[in-house]
PDB file of all heavy atoms in Angstrom:
ATOM      1  N   GLU A   1       7.263  20.092  -2.319  1.00  0.00           N
ATOM      2  CA  GLU A   1       8.702  20.095  -2.595  1.00  0.00           C
ATOM      3  C   GLU A   1       9.213  18.659  -2.726  1.00  0.00           C
ATOM      4  O   GLU A   1       9.985  18.338  -3.623  1.00  0.00           O
ATOM      5  CB  GLU A   1       9.419  20.826  -1.451  1.00  0.00           C
ATOM      6  CG  GLU A   1      10.932  20.792  -1.513  1.00  0.00           C
ATOM      7  CD  GLU A   1      11.518  21.648  -2.636  1.00  0.00           C
ATOM      8  OE1 GLU A   1      10.830  22.568  -3.120  1.00  0.00           O
ATOM      9  OE2 GLU A   1      12.673  21.375  -3.014  1.00  0.00           O
ATOM     10  N   ILE A   2       8.753  17.779  -1.807  1.00  0.00           N
ATOM     11  CA  ILE A   2       9.204  16.379  -1.822  1.00  0.00           C
ATOM     12  C   ILE A   2       8.754  15.695  -3.107  1.00  0.00           C
ATOM     13  O   ILE A   2       9.497  14.929  -3.725  1.00  0.00           O
ATOM     14  CB  ILE A   2       8.660  15.635  -0.574  1.00  0.00           C
ATOM     15  CG1 ILE A   2       9.402  16.122   0.681  1.00  0.00           C
ATOM     16  CG2 ILE A   2       8.812  14.118  -0.727  1.00  0.00           C
ATOM     17  CD1 ILE A   2       8.787  15.672   1.988  1.00  0.00           C
ATOM     18  N   GLU A   3       7.517  15.988  -3.518  1.00  0.00           N
ATOM     19  CA  GLU A   3       6.994  15.323  -4.721  1.00  0.00           C
ATOM     20  C   GLU A   3       7.728  15.796  -5.974  1.00  0.00           C
ATOM     21  O   GLU A   3       7.903  15.048  -6.922  1.00  0.00           O
ATOM     22  CB  GLU A   3       5.482  15.554  -4.831  1.00  0.00           C
ATOM     23  CG  GLU A   3       4.725  14.720  -3.791  1.00  0.00           C
ATOM     24  CD  GLU A   3       3.214  14.970  -3.774  1.00  0.00           C
ATOM     25  OE1 GLU A   3       2.784  16.023  -4.270  1.00  0.00           O
ATOM     26  OE2 GLU A   3       2.494  14.083  -3.271  1.00  0.00           O
ATOM     27  N   GLN A   4       8.179  17.053  -5.967  1.00  0.00           N
ATOM     28  CA  GLN A   4       8.886  17.567  -7.141  1.00  0.00           C
ATOM     29  C   GLN A   4      10.363  17.182  -7.124  1.00  0.00           C
ATOM     30  O   GLN A   4      10.967  16.986  -8.170  1.00  0.00           O
ATOM     31  CB  GLN A   4       8.793  19.106  -7.182  1.00  0.00           C
ATOM     32  CG  GLN A   4       7.452  19.591  -7.698  1.00  0.00           C
ATOM     33  CD  GLN A   4       7.208  21.050  -7.322  1.00  0.00           C
ATOM     34  OE1 GLN A   4       8.127  21.753  -6.925  1.00  0.00           O
ATOM     35  NE2 GLN A   4       5.965  21.494  -7.435  1.00  0.00           N
ATOM     36  N   ASN A   5      10.921  17.078  -5.929  1.00  0.00           N
ATOM     37  CA  ASN A   5      12.369  16.896  -5.805  1.00  0.00           C
ATOM     38  C   ASN A   5      12.692  15.428  -5.530  1.00  0.00           C
ATOM     39  O   ASN A   5      12.734  14.979  -4.399  1.00  0.00           O
ATOM     40  CB  ASN A   5      12.868  17.792  -4.667  1.00  0.00           C
ATOM     41  CG  ASN A   5      14.378  17.834  -4.615  1.00  0.00           C
ATOM     42  OD1 ASN A   5      15.057  16.962  -5.159  1.00  0.00           O
ATOM     43  ND2 ASN A   5      14.910  18.862  -3.968  1.00  0.00           N
ATOM     44  N   LYS A   6      12.940  14.681  -6.610  1.00  0.00           N
ATOM     45  CA  LYS A   6      13.146  13.227  -6.479  1.00  0.00           C
ATOM     46  C   LYS A   6      14.420  12.898  -5.701  1.00  0.00           C
ATOM     47  O   LYS A   6      14.561  11.831  -5.135  1.00  0.00           O
ATOM     48  CB  LYS A   6      13.204  12.573  -7.871  1.00  0.00           C
ATOM     49  CG  LYS A   6      11.899  12.687  -8.662  1.00  0.00           C
ATOM     50  CD  LYS A   6      10.827  11.761  -8.084  1.00  0.00           C
ATOM     51  CE  LYS A   6       9.490  11.923  -8.786  1.00  0.00           C
ATOM     52  NZ  LYS A   6       8.582  12.866  -8.095  1.00  0.00           N
ATOM     53  N   SER A   7      15.366  13.851  -5.685  1.00  0.00           N
ATOM     54  CA  SER A   7      16.648  13.552  -5.026  1.00  0.00           C
ATOM     55  C   SER A   7      16.497  13.406  -3.515  1.00  0.00           C
ATOM     56  O   SER A   7      17.396  12.938  -2.836  1.00  0.00           O
ATOM     57  CB  SER A   7      17.657  14.645  -5.333  1.00  0.00           C
ATOM     58  OG  SER A   7      17.248  15.850  -4.711  1.00  0.00           O
ATOM     59  N   LEU A   8      15.348  13.823  -2.982  1.00  0.00           N
ATOM     60  CA  LEU A   8      15.156  13.720  -1.528  1.00  0.00           C
ATOM     61  C   LEU A   8      14.910  12.276  -1.083  1.00  0.00           C
ATOM     62  O   LEU A   8      15.060  11.946   0.091  1.00  0.00           O
ATOM     63  CB  LEU A   8      13.985  14.601  -1.084  1.00  0.00           C
ATOM     64  CG  LEU A   8      14.198  16.110  -1.202  1.00  0.00           C
ATOM     65  CD1 LEU A   8      12.925  16.870  -0.873  1.00  0.00           C
ATOM     66  CD2 LEU A   8      15.321  16.570  -0.284  1.00  0.00           C
ATOM     67  N   ASP A   9      14.501  11.412  -2.033  1.00  0.00           N
ATOM     68  CA  ASP A   9      14.237   9.991  -1.698  1.00  0.00           C
ATOM     69  C   ASP A   9      13.193   9.805  -0.615  1.00  0.00           C
ATOM     70  O   ASP A   9      13.303   8.891   0.202  1.00  0.00           O
ATOM     71  CB  ASP A   9      15.532   9.283  -1.231  1.00  0.00           C
ATOM     72  CG  ASP A   9      16.533   9.172  -2.351  1.00  0.00           C
ATOM     73  OD1 ASP A   9      16.104   9.194  -3.521  1.00  0.00           O
ATOM     74  OD2 ASP A   9      17.738   9.076  -2.074  1.00  0.00           O
ATOM     75  N   LEU A  10      12.205  10.703  -0.545  1.00  0.00           N
ATOM     76  CA  LEU A  10      11.179  10.590   0.497  1.00  0.00           C
ATOM     77  C   LEU A  10       9.831  10.264  -0.146  1.00  0.00           C
ATOM     78  O   LEU A  10       9.505  10.763  -1.215  1.00  0.00           O
ATOM     79  CB  LEU A  10      11.063  11.898   1.286  1.00  0.00           C
ATOM     80  CG  LEU A  10      12.325  12.410   1.992  1.00  0.00           C
ATOM     81  CD1 LEU A  10      12.072  13.780   2.601  1.00  0.00           C
ATOM     82  CD2 LEU A  10      12.786  11.446   3.074  1.00  0.00           C
ATOM     83  N   ASN A  11       9.057   9.432   0.532  1.00  0.00           N
ATOM     84  CA  ASN A  11       7.692   9.152   0.090  1.00  0.00           C
ATOM     85  C   ASN A  11       6.758   9.487   1.249  1.00  0.00           C
ATOM     86  O   ASN A  11       6.768   8.812   2.279  1.00  0.00           O
ATOM     87  CB  ASN A  11       7.564   7.672  -0.300  1.00  0.00           C
ATOM     88  CG  ASN A  11       6.110   7.269  -0.512  1.00  0.00           C
ATOM     89  OD1 ASN A  11       5.276   8.100  -0.887  1.00  0.00           O
ATOM     90  ND2 ASN A  11       5.803   6.009  -0.252  1.00  0.00           N
ATOM     91  N   VAL A  12       5.980  10.557   1.118  1.00  0.00           N
ATOM     92  CA  VAL A  12       5.091  10.958   2.209  1.00  0.00           C
ATOM     93  C   VAL A  12       3.902  10.009   2.266  1.00  0.00           C
ATOM     94  O   VAL A  12       3.121   9.908   1.321  1.00  0.00           O
ATOM     95  CB  VAL A  12       4.618  12.419   2.040  1.00  0.00           C
ATOM     96  CG1 VAL A  12       3.646  12.785   3.161  1.00  0.00           C
ATOM     97  CG2 VAL A  12       5.818  13.362   2.062  1.00  0.00           C
ATOM     98  N   VAL A  13       3.783   9.303   3.388  1.00  0.00           N
ATOM     99  CA  VAL A  13       2.726   8.306   3.567  1.00  0.00           C
ATOM    100  C   VAL A  13       1.473   8.974   4.132  1.00  0.00           C
ATOM    101  O   VAL A  13       0.354   8.638   3.765  1.00  0.00           O
ATOM    102  CB  VAL A  13       3.229   7.189   4.518  1.00  0.00           C
ATOM    103  CG1 VAL A  13       2.163   6.148   4.753  1.00  0.00           C
ATOM    104  CG2 VAL A  13       4.492   6.563   3.964  1.00  0.00           C
ATOM    105  N   ALA A  14       1.674   9.931   5.059  1.00  0.00           N
ATOM    106  CA  ALA A  14       0.518  10.544   5.726  1.00  0.00           C
ATOM    107  C   ALA A  14       0.943  11.817   6.447  1.00  0.00           C
ATOM    108  O   ALA A  14       2.129  12.089   6.625  1.00  0.00           O
ATOM    109  CB  ALA A  14      -0.079   9.564   6.736  1.00  0.00           C
ATOM    110  N   PHE A  15      -0.086  12.576   6.847  1.00  0.00           N
ATOM    111  CA  PHE A  15       0.109  13.714   7.748  1.00  0.00           C
ATOM    112  C   PHE A  15      -0.359  13.314   9.143  1.00  0.00           C
ATOM    113  O   PHE A  15      -1.158  12.380   9.293  1.00  0.00           O
ATOM    114  CB  PHE A  15      -0.772  14.905   7.319  1.00  0.00           C
ATOM    115  CG  PHE A  15      -0.273  15.675   6.133  1.00  0.00           C
ATOM    116  CD1 PHE A  15      -0.861  15.518   4.881  1.00  0.00           C
ATOM    117  CD2 PHE A  15       0.763  16.593   6.275  1.00  0.00           C
ATOM    118  CE1 PHE A  15      -0.426  16.260   3.795  1.00  0.00           C
ATOM    119  CE2 PHE A  15       1.194  17.344   5.184  1.00  0.00           C
ATOM    120  CZ  PHE A  15       0.607  17.174   3.936  1.00  0.00           C
ATOM    121  N   ILE A  16       0.102  14.044  10.159  1.00  0.00           N
ATOM    122  CA  ILE A  16      -0.510  13.925  11.484  1.00  0.00           C
ATOM    123  C   ILE A  16      -0.715  15.338  12.018  1.00  0.00           C
ATOM    124  O   ILE A  16       0.128  16.219  11.801  1.00  0.00           O
ATOM    125  CB  ILE A  16       0.340  13.057  12.448  1.00  0.00           C
ATOM    126  CG1 ILE A  16      -0.401  12.835  13.763  1.00  0.00           C
ATOM    127  CG2 ILE A  16       1.716  13.651  12.687  1.00  0.00           C
ATOM    128  CD1 ILE A  16       0.143  11.674  14.584  1.00  0.00           C
ATOM    129  N   ASP A  17      -1.842  15.597  12.655  1.00  0.00           N
ATOM    130  CA  ASP A  17      -2.203  16.957  13.044  1.00  0.00           C
ATOM    131  C   ASP A  17      -3.133  16.897  14.244  1.00  0.00           C
ATOM    132  O   ASP A  17      -3.682  15.843  14.568  1.00  0.00           O
ATOM    133  CB  ASP A  17      -2.906  17.659  11.869  1.00  0.00           C
ATOM    134  CG  ASP A  17      -2.801  19.182  11.956  1.00  0.00           C
ATOM    135  OD1 ASP A  17      -3.432  19.779  12.840  1.00  0.00           O
ATOM    136  OD2 ASP A  17      -2.086  19.759  11.115  1.00  0.00           O
ATOM    137  N   ASP A  18      -3.279  18.037  14.922  1.00  0.00           N
ATOM    138  CA  ASP A  18      -4.208  18.112  16.067  1.00  0.00           C
ATOM    139  C   ASP A  18      -5.560  18.709  15.681  1.00  0.00           C
ATOM    140  O   ASP A  18      -6.481  18.728  16.496  1.00  0.00           O
ATOM    141  CB  ASP A  18      -3.592  18.975  17.189  1.00  0.00           C
ATOM    142  CG  ASP A  18      -2.570  18.179  18.009  1.00  0.00           C
ATOM    143  OD1 ASP A  18      -2.723  16.939  18.100  1.00  0.00           O
ATOM    144  OD2 ASP A  18      -1.643  18.789  18.552  1.00  0.00           O
ATOM    145  N   ASP A  19      -5.674  19.214  14.459  1.00  0.00           N
ATOM    146  CA  ASP A  19      -6.905  19.887  14.026  1.00  0.00           C
ATOM    147  C   ASP A  19      -8.005  18.848  13.774  1.00  0.00           C
ATOM    148  O   ASP A  19      -7.911  18.041  12.842  1.00  0.00           O
ATOM    149  CB  ASP A  19      -6.601  20.689  12.747  1.00  0.00           C
ATOM    150  CG  ASP A  19      -7.807  21.482  12.273  1.00  0.00           C
ATOM    151  OD1 ASP A  19      -8.937  21.179  12.712  1.00  0.00           O
ATOM    152  OD2 ASP A  19      -7.610  22.399  11.446  1.00  0.00           O
ATOM    153  N   ARG A  20      -9.050  18.896  14.618  1.00  0.00           N
ATOM    154  CA  ARG A  20     -10.119  17.880  14.525  1.00  0.00           C
ATOM    155  C   ARG A  20     -10.765  17.837  13.142  1.00  0.00           C
ATOM    156  O   ARG A  20     -11.181  16.790  12.674  1.00  0.00           O
ATOM    157  CB  ARG A  20     -11.211  18.198  15.568  1.00  0.00           C
ATOM    158  CG  ARG A  20     -10.738  17.909  16.983  1.00  0.00           C
ATOM    159  CD  ARG A  20     -11.880  17.317  17.811  1.00  0.00           C
ATOM    160  NE  ARG A  20     -11.418  17.119  19.182  1.00  0.00           N
ATOM    161  CZ  ARG A  20     -11.796  17.888  20.190  1.00  0.00           C
ATOM    162  NH1 ARG A  20     -12.631  18.890  19.974  1.00  0.00           N
ATOM    163  NH2 ARG A  20     -11.352  17.650  21.400  1.00  0.00           N
ATOM    164  N   GLU A  21     -10.857  19.011  12.501  1.00  0.00           N
ATOM    165  CA  GLU A  21     -11.520  19.045  11.193  1.00  0.00           C
ATOM    166  C   GLU A  21     -10.675  18.355  10.120  1.00  0.00           C
ATOM    167  O   GLU A  21     -11.208  17.880   9.122  1.00  0.00           O
ATOM    168  CB  GLU A  21     -11.795  20.499  10.778  1.00  0.00           C
ATOM    169  CG  GLU A  21     -12.908  21.111  11.622  1.00  0.00           C
ATOM    170  CD  GLU A  21     -13.216  22.557  11.249  1.00  0.00           C
ATOM    171  OE1 GLU A  21     -12.689  23.033  10.226  1.00  0.00           O
ATOM    172  OE2 GLU A  21     -13.967  23.192  12.001  1.00  0.00           O
ATOM    173  N   LYS A  22      -9.371  18.302  10.329  1.00  0.00           N
ATOM    174  CA  LYS A  22      -8.506  17.671   9.319  1.00  0.00           C
ATOM    175  C   LYS A  22      -8.364  16.168   9.558  1.00  0.00           C
ATOM    176  O   LYS A  22      -8.178  15.401   8.609  1.00  0.00           O
ATOM    177  CB  LYS A  22      -7.115  18.327   9.345  1.00  0.00           C
ATOM    178  CG  LYS A  22      -7.106  19.732   8.760  1.00  0.00           C
ATOM    179  CD  LYS A  22      -5.718  20.339   8.810  1.00  0.00           C
ATOM    180  CE  LYS A  22      -5.763  21.793   8.336  1.00  0.00           C
ATOM    181  NZ  LYS A  22      -4.639  22.560   8.849  1.00  0.00           N
ATOM    182  N   ILE A  23      -8.401  15.748  10.844  1.00  0.00           N
ATOM    183  CA  ILE A  23      -8.156  14.341  11.170  1.00  0.00           C
ATOM    184  C   ILE A  23      -9.171  13.455  10.447  1.00  0.00           C
ATOM    185  O   ILE A  23     -10.366  13.765  10.407  1.00  0.00           O
ATOM    186  CB  ILE A  23      -8.198  14.117  12.698  1.00  0.00           C
ATOM    187  CG1 ILE A  23      -7.007  14.844  13.350  1.00  0.00           C
ATOM    188  CG2 ILE A  23      -8.149  12.629  13.051  1.00  0.00           C
ATOM    189  CD1 ILE A  23      -7.013  14.854  14.860  1.00  0.00           C
ATOM    190  N   ASN A  24      -8.680  12.361   9.845  1.00  0.00           N
ATOM    191  CA  ASN A  24      -9.483  11.387   9.076  1.00  0.00           C
ATOM    192  C   ASN A  24     -10.026  11.977   7.778  1.00  0.00           C
ATOM    193  O   ASN A  24     -10.952  11.428   7.177  1.00  0.00           O
ATOM    194  CB  ASN A  24     -10.628  10.797   9.908  1.00  0.00           C
ATOM    195  CG  ASN A  24     -10.082   9.984  11.070  1.00  0.00           C
ATOM    196  OD1 ASN A  24      -9.014   9.365  10.952  1.00  0.00           O
ATOM    197  ND2 ASN A  24     -10.772   9.999  12.188  1.00  0.00           N
ATOM    198  N   ASN A  25      -9.456  13.099   7.339  1.00  0.00           N
ATOM    199  CA  ASN A  25      -9.765  13.626   6.008  1.00  0.00           C
ATOM    200  C   ASN A  25      -8.473  13.681   5.199  1.00  0.00           C
ATOM    201  O   ASN A  25      -7.388  13.497   5.739  1.00  0.00           O
ATOM    202  CB  ASN A  25     -10.385  15.032   6.110  1.00  0.00           C
ATOM    203  CG  ASN A  25     -11.824  14.949   6.576  1.00  0.00           C
ATOM    204  OD1 ASN A  25     -12.610  14.176   6.046  1.00  0.00           O
ATOM    205  ND2 ASN A  25     -12.167  15.735   7.583  1.00  0.00           N
ATOM    206  N   TYR A  26      -8.644  13.933   3.901  1.00  0.00           N
ATOM    207  CA  TYR A  26      -7.470  13.987   3.033  1.00  0.00           C
ATOM    208  C   TYR A  26      -7.007  15.417   2.832  1.00  0.00           C
ATOM    209  O   TYR A  26      -7.825  16.325   2.695  1.00  0.00           O
ATOM    210  CB  TYR A  26      -7.785  13.369   1.664  1.00  0.00           C
ATOM    211  CG  TYR A  26      -7.850  11.864   1.712  1.00  0.00           C
ATOM    212  CD1 TYR A  26      -9.049  11.205   1.958  1.00  0.00           C
ATOM    213  CD2 TYR A  26      -6.696  11.095   1.524  1.00  0.00           C
ATOM    214  CE1 TYR A  26      -9.109   9.822   2.011  1.00  0.00           C
ATOM    215  CE2 TYR A  26      -6.742   9.708   1.577  1.00  0.00           C
ATOM    216  CZ  TYR A  26      -7.952   9.078   1.820  1.00  0.00           C
ATOM    217  OH  TYR A  26      -7.999   7.718   1.884  1.00  0.00           O
ATOM    218  N   VAL A  27      -5.670  15.623   2.830  1.00  0.00           N
ATOM    219  CA  VAL A  27      -5.068  16.888   2.427  1.00  0.00           C
ATOM    220  C   VAL A  27      -4.078  16.536   1.323  1.00  0.00           C
ATOM    221  O   VAL A  27      -3.182  15.705   1.538  1.00  0.00           O
ATOM    222  CB  VAL A  27      -4.352  17.577   3.617  1.00  0.00           C
ATOM    223  CG1 VAL A  27      -3.455  18.701   3.129  1.00  0.00           C
ATOM    224  CG2 VAL A  27      -5.358  18.125   4.607  1.00  0.00           C
ATOM    225  N   CYS A  28      -4.283  17.106   0.131  1.00  0.00           N
ATOM    226  CA  CYS A  28      -3.412  16.792  -1.015  1.00  0.00           C
ATOM    227  C   CYS A  28      -3.280  15.281  -1.229  1.00  0.00           C
ATOM    228  O   CYS A  28      -2.157  14.762  -1.373  1.00  0.00           O
ATOM    229  CB  CYS A  28      -2.016  17.400  -0.833  1.00  0.00           C
ATOM    230  SG  CYS A  28      -2.014  19.174  -0.732  1.00  0.00           S
ATOM    231  N   ASN A  29      -4.409  14.602  -1.194  1.00  0.00           N
ATOM    232  CA  ASN A  29      -4.435  13.143  -1.415  1.00  0.00           C
ATOM    233  C   ASN A  29      -3.712  12.321  -0.356  1.00  0.00           C
ATOM    234  O   ASN A  29      -3.425  11.149  -0.571  1.00  0.00           O
ATOM    235  CB  ASN A  29      -3.850  12.761  -2.790  1.00  0.00           C
ATOM    236  CG  ASN A  29      -4.682  13.364  -3.904  1.00  0.00           C
ATOM    237  OD1 ASN A  29      -5.899  13.544  -3.737  1.00  0.00           O
ATOM    238  ND2 ASN A  29      -4.048  13.688  -5.013  1.00  0.00           N
ATOM    239  N   LYS A  30      -3.386  12.933   0.783  1.00  0.00           N
ATOM    240  CA  LYS A  30      -2.763  12.162   1.876  1.00  0.00           C
ATOM    241  C   LYS A  30      -3.702  12.199   3.075  1.00  0.00           C
ATOM    242  O   LYS A  30      -4.223  13.269   3.420  1.00  0.00           O
ATOM    243  CB  LYS A  30      -1.411  12.787   2.293  1.00  0.00           C
ATOM    244  CG  LYS A  30      -0.431  12.963   1.154  1.00  0.00           C
ATOM    245  CD  LYS A  30       0.138  11.647   0.684  1.00  0.00           C
ATOM    246  CE  LYS A  30       1.085  11.885  -0.506  1.00  0.00           C
ATOM    247  NZ  LYS A  30       1.486  10.611  -1.136  1.00  0.00           N
ATOM    248  N   MET A  31      -3.869  11.060   3.710  1.00  0.00           N
ATOM    249  CA  MET A  31      -4.749  11.000   4.881  1.00  0.00           C
ATOM    250  C   MET A  31      -4.088  11.715   6.059  1.00  0.00           C
ATOM    251  O   MET A  31      -2.878  11.628   6.255  1.00  0.00           O
ATOM    252  CB  MET A  31      -5.020   9.533   5.241  1.00  0.00           C
ATOM    253  CG  MET A  31      -5.874   9.347   6.471  1.00  0.00           C
ATOM    254  SD  MET A  31      -7.525  10.058   6.299  1.00  0.00           S
ATOM    255  CE  MET A  31      -8.449   8.604   5.847  1.00  0.00           C
ATOM    256  N   VAL A  32      -4.907  12.441   6.831  1.00  0.00           N
ATOM    257  CA  VAL A  32      -4.406  13.109   8.037  1.00  0.00           C
ATOM    258  C   VAL A  32      -4.835  12.289   9.254  1.00  0.00           C
ATOM    259  O   VAL A  32      -6.018  12.002   9.429  1.00  0.00           O
ATOM    260  CB  VAL A  32      -4.980  14.548   8.164  1.00  0.00           C
ATOM    261  CG1 VAL A  32      -4.421  15.228   9.417  1.00  0.00           C
ATOM    262  CG2 VAL A  32      -4.656  15.374   6.925  1.00  0.00           C
ATOM    263  N   TYR A  33      -3.864  11.901  10.073  1.00  0.00           N
ATOM    264  CA  TYR A  33      -4.154  11.180  11.307  1.00  0.00           C
ATOM    265  C   TYR A  33      -3.946  12.123  12.484  1.00  0.00           C
ATOM    266  O   TYR A  33      -3.454  13.230  12.329  1.00  0.00           O
ATOM    267  CB  TYR A  33      -3.261   9.941  11.419  1.00  0.00           C
ATOM    268  CG  TYR A  33      -3.525   8.942  10.317  1.00  0.00           C
ATOM    269  CD1 TYR A  33      -2.822   9.000   9.117  1.00  0.00           C
ATOM    270  CD2 TYR A  33      -4.513   7.964  10.456  1.00  0.00           C
ATOM    271  CE1 TYR A  33      -3.080   8.114   8.085  1.00  0.00           C
ATOM    272  CE2 TYR A  33      -4.782   7.069   9.435  1.00  0.00           C
ATOM    273  CZ  TYR A  33      -4.061   7.150   8.249  1.00  0.00           C
ATOM    274  OH  TYR A  33      -4.341   6.271   7.238  1.00  0.00           O
ATOM    275  N   GLY A  34      -4.294  11.681  13.666  1.00  0.00           N
ATOM    276  CA  GLY A  34      -4.105  12.537  14.839  1.00  0.00           C
ATOM    277  C   GLY A  34      -4.717  11.890  16.059  1.00  0.00           C
ATOM    278  O   GLY A  34      -5.293  10.800  15.958  1.00  0.00           O
ATOM    279  N   PRO A  35      -4.607  12.533  17.236  1.00  0.00           N
ATOM    280  CA  PRO A  35      -3.825  13.748  17.502  1.00  0.00           C
ATOM    281  C   PRO A  35      -2.321  13.449  17.549  1.00  0.00           C
ATOM    282  O   PRO A  35      -1.928  12.278  17.551  1.00  0.00           O
ATOM    283  CB  PRO A  35      -4.332  14.183  18.878  1.00  0.00           C
ATOM    284  CG  PRO A  35      -4.754  12.913  19.538  1.00  0.00           C
ATOM    285  CD  PRO A  35      -5.297  12.040  18.438  1.00  0.00           C
ATOM    286  N   VAL A  36      -1.523  14.511  17.624  1.00  0.00           N
ATOM    287  CA  VAL A  36      -0.066  14.362  17.565  1.00  0.00           C
ATOM    288  C   VAL A  36       0.470  13.548  18.743  1.00  0.00           C
ATOM    289  O   VAL A  36       1.473  12.857  18.614  1.00  0.00           O
ATOM    290  CB  VAL A  36       0.615  15.767  17.507  1.00  0.00           C
ATOM    291  CG1 VAL A  36       2.125  15.649  17.590  1.00  0.00           C
ATOM    292  CG2 VAL A  36       0.209  16.486  16.230  1.00  0.00           C
ATOM    293  N   ARG A  37      -0.229  13.585  19.885  1.00  0.00           N
ATOM    294  CA  ARG A  37       0.304  12.826  21.035  1.00  0.00           C
ATOM    295  C   ARG A  37       0.342  11.312  20.760  1.00  0.00           C
ATOM    296  O   ARG A  37       1.056  10.577  21.435  1.00  0.00           O
ATOM    297  CB  ARG A  37      -0.479  13.154  22.310  1.00  0.00           C
ATOM    298  CG  ARG A  37      -1.914  12.733  22.285  1.00  0.00           C
ATOM    299  CD  ARG A  37      -2.552  12.785  23.673  1.00  0.00           C
ATOM    300  NE  ARG A  37      -3.946  12.337  23.593  1.00  0.00           N
ATOM    301  CZ  ARG A  37      -4.971  13.140  23.328  1.00  0.00           C
ATOM    302  NH1 ARG A  37      -4.771  14.439  23.144  1.00  0.00           N
ATOM    303  NH2 ARG A  37      -6.198  12.662  23.235  1.00  0.00           N
ATOM    304  N   ASP A  38      -0.454  10.844  19.760  1.00  0.00           N
ATOM    305  CA  ASP A  38      -0.447   9.410  19.401  1.00  0.00           C
ATOM    306  C   ASP A  38       0.559   9.099  18.299  1.00  0.00           C
ATOM    307  O   ASP A  38       0.507   8.034  17.673  1.00  0.00           O
ATOM    308  CB  ASP A  38      -1.850   8.973  18.927  1.00  0.00           C
ATOM    309  CG  ASP A  38      -2.872   9.056  20.044  1.00  0.00           C
ATOM    310  OD1 ASP A  38      -2.451   9.057  21.224  1.00  0.00           O
ATOM    311  OD2 ASP A  38      -4.080   9.130  19.751  1.00  0.00           O
ATOM    312  N   LEU A  39       1.459  10.033  18.065  1.00  0.00           N
ATOM    313  CA  LEU A  39       2.438   9.934  16.994  1.00  0.00           C
ATOM    314  C   LEU A  39       3.124   8.574  16.879  1.00  0.00           C
ATOM    315  O   LEU A  39       3.173   7.972  15.809  1.00  0.00           O
ATOM    316  CB  LEU A  39       3.489  11.014  17.296  1.00  0.00           C
ATOM    317  CG  LEU A  39       4.586  11.239  16.303  1.00  0.00           C
ATOM    318  CD1 LEU A  39       4.019  11.999  15.123  1.00  0.00           C
ATOM    319  CD2 LEU A  39       5.685  12.082  16.930  1.00  0.00           C
ATOM    320  N   ASN A  40       3.650   8.086  18.013  1.00  0.00           N
ATOM    321  CA  ASN A  40       4.474   6.866  17.959  1.00  0.00           C
ATOM    322  C   ASN A  40       3.665   5.654  17.521  1.00  0.00           C
ATOM    323  O   ASN A  40       4.187   4.730  16.899  1.00  0.00           O
ATOM    324  CB  ASN A  40       5.168   6.630  19.308  1.00  0.00           C
ATOM    325  CG  ASN A  40       6.159   7.750  19.619  1.00  0.00           C
ATOM    326  OD1 ASN A  40       6.826   8.253  18.730  1.00  0.00           O
ATOM    327  ND2 ASN A  40       6.224   8.171  20.868  1.00  0.00           N
ATOM    328  N   LYS A  41       2.354   5.672  17.825  1.00  0.00           N
ATOM    329  CA  LYS A  41       1.462   4.584  17.392  1.00  0.00           C
ATOM    330  C   LYS A  41       1.423   4.540  15.861  1.00  0.00           C
ATOM    331  O   LYS A  41       1.545   3.481  15.243  1.00  0.00           O
ATOM    332  CB  LYS A  41       0.056   4.854  17.976  1.00  0.00           C
ATOM    333  CG  LYS A  41      -0.973   3.773  17.702  1.00  0.00           C
ATOM    334  CD  LYS A  41      -2.273   4.096  18.423  1.00  0.00           C
ATOM    335  CE  LYS A  41      -3.187   4.959  17.536  1.00  0.00           C
ATOM    336  NZ  LYS A  41      -4.461   5.314  18.204  1.00  0.00           N
ATOM    337  N   PHE A  42       1.290   5.730  15.257  1.00  0.00           N
ATOM    338  CA  PHE A  42       1.178   5.788  13.791  1.00  0.00           C
ATOM    339  C   PHE A  42       2.517   5.525  13.106  1.00  0.00           C
ATOM    340  O   PHE A  42       2.561   4.916  12.048  1.00  0.00           O
ATOM    341  CB  PHE A  42       0.608   7.145  13.352  1.00  0.00           C
ATOM    342  CG  PHE A  42      -0.826   7.347  13.758  1.00  0.00           C
ATOM    343  CD1 PHE A  42      -1.171   8.270  14.737  1.00  0.00           C
ATOM    344  CD2 PHE A  42      -1.844   6.592  13.175  1.00  0.00           C
ATOM    345  CE1 PHE A  42      -2.493   8.451  15.122  1.00  0.00           C
ATOM    346  CE2 PHE A  42      -3.166   6.773  13.549  1.00  0.00           C
ATOM    347  CZ  PHE A  42      -3.494   7.696  14.532  1.00  0.00           C
ATOM    348  N   THR A  43       3.618   5.984  13.712  1.00  0.00           N
ATOM    349  CA  THR A  43       4.913   5.731  13.058  1.00  0.00           C
ATOM    350  C   THR A  43       5.187   4.223  13.026  1.00  0.00           C
ATOM    351  O   THR A  43       5.713   3.711  12.043  1.00  0.00           O
ATOM    352  CB  THR A  43       6.080   6.448  13.778  1.00  0.00           C
ATOM    353  OG1 THR A  43       6.072   6.107  15.152  1.00  0.00           O
ATOM    354  CG2 THR A  43       5.998   7.945  13.631  1.00  0.00           C
ATOM    355  N   LYS A  44       4.790   3.509  14.075  1.00  0.00           N
ATOM    356  CA  LYS A  44       4.958   2.042  14.076  1.00  0.00           C
ATOM    357  C   LYS A  44       4.042   1.416  13.035  1.00  0.00           C
ATOM    358  O   LYS A  44       4.458   0.583  12.229  1.00  0.00           O
ATOM    359  CB  LYS A  44       4.645   1.473  15.466  1.00  0.00           C
ATOM    360  CG  LYS A  44       5.761   1.674  16.475  1.00  0.00           C
ATOM    361  CD  LYS A  44       5.552   0.820  17.726  1.00  0.00           C
ATOM    362  CE  LYS A  44       6.648   1.109  18.746  1.00  0.00           C
ATOM    363  NZ  LYS A  44       6.521   2.474  19.315  1.00  0.00           N
TER     364      LYS A  44
END
């Protein structure tokens, strides 16, 4: 939705998730980081 809707002014840099199989892999050309408890580290 974000990629189609330019009026949102958002650029998705990455995902964050707790799923071990997804972490450090790409989903829709975006890297998935994790786990979620380390969120603030990645936002910085």
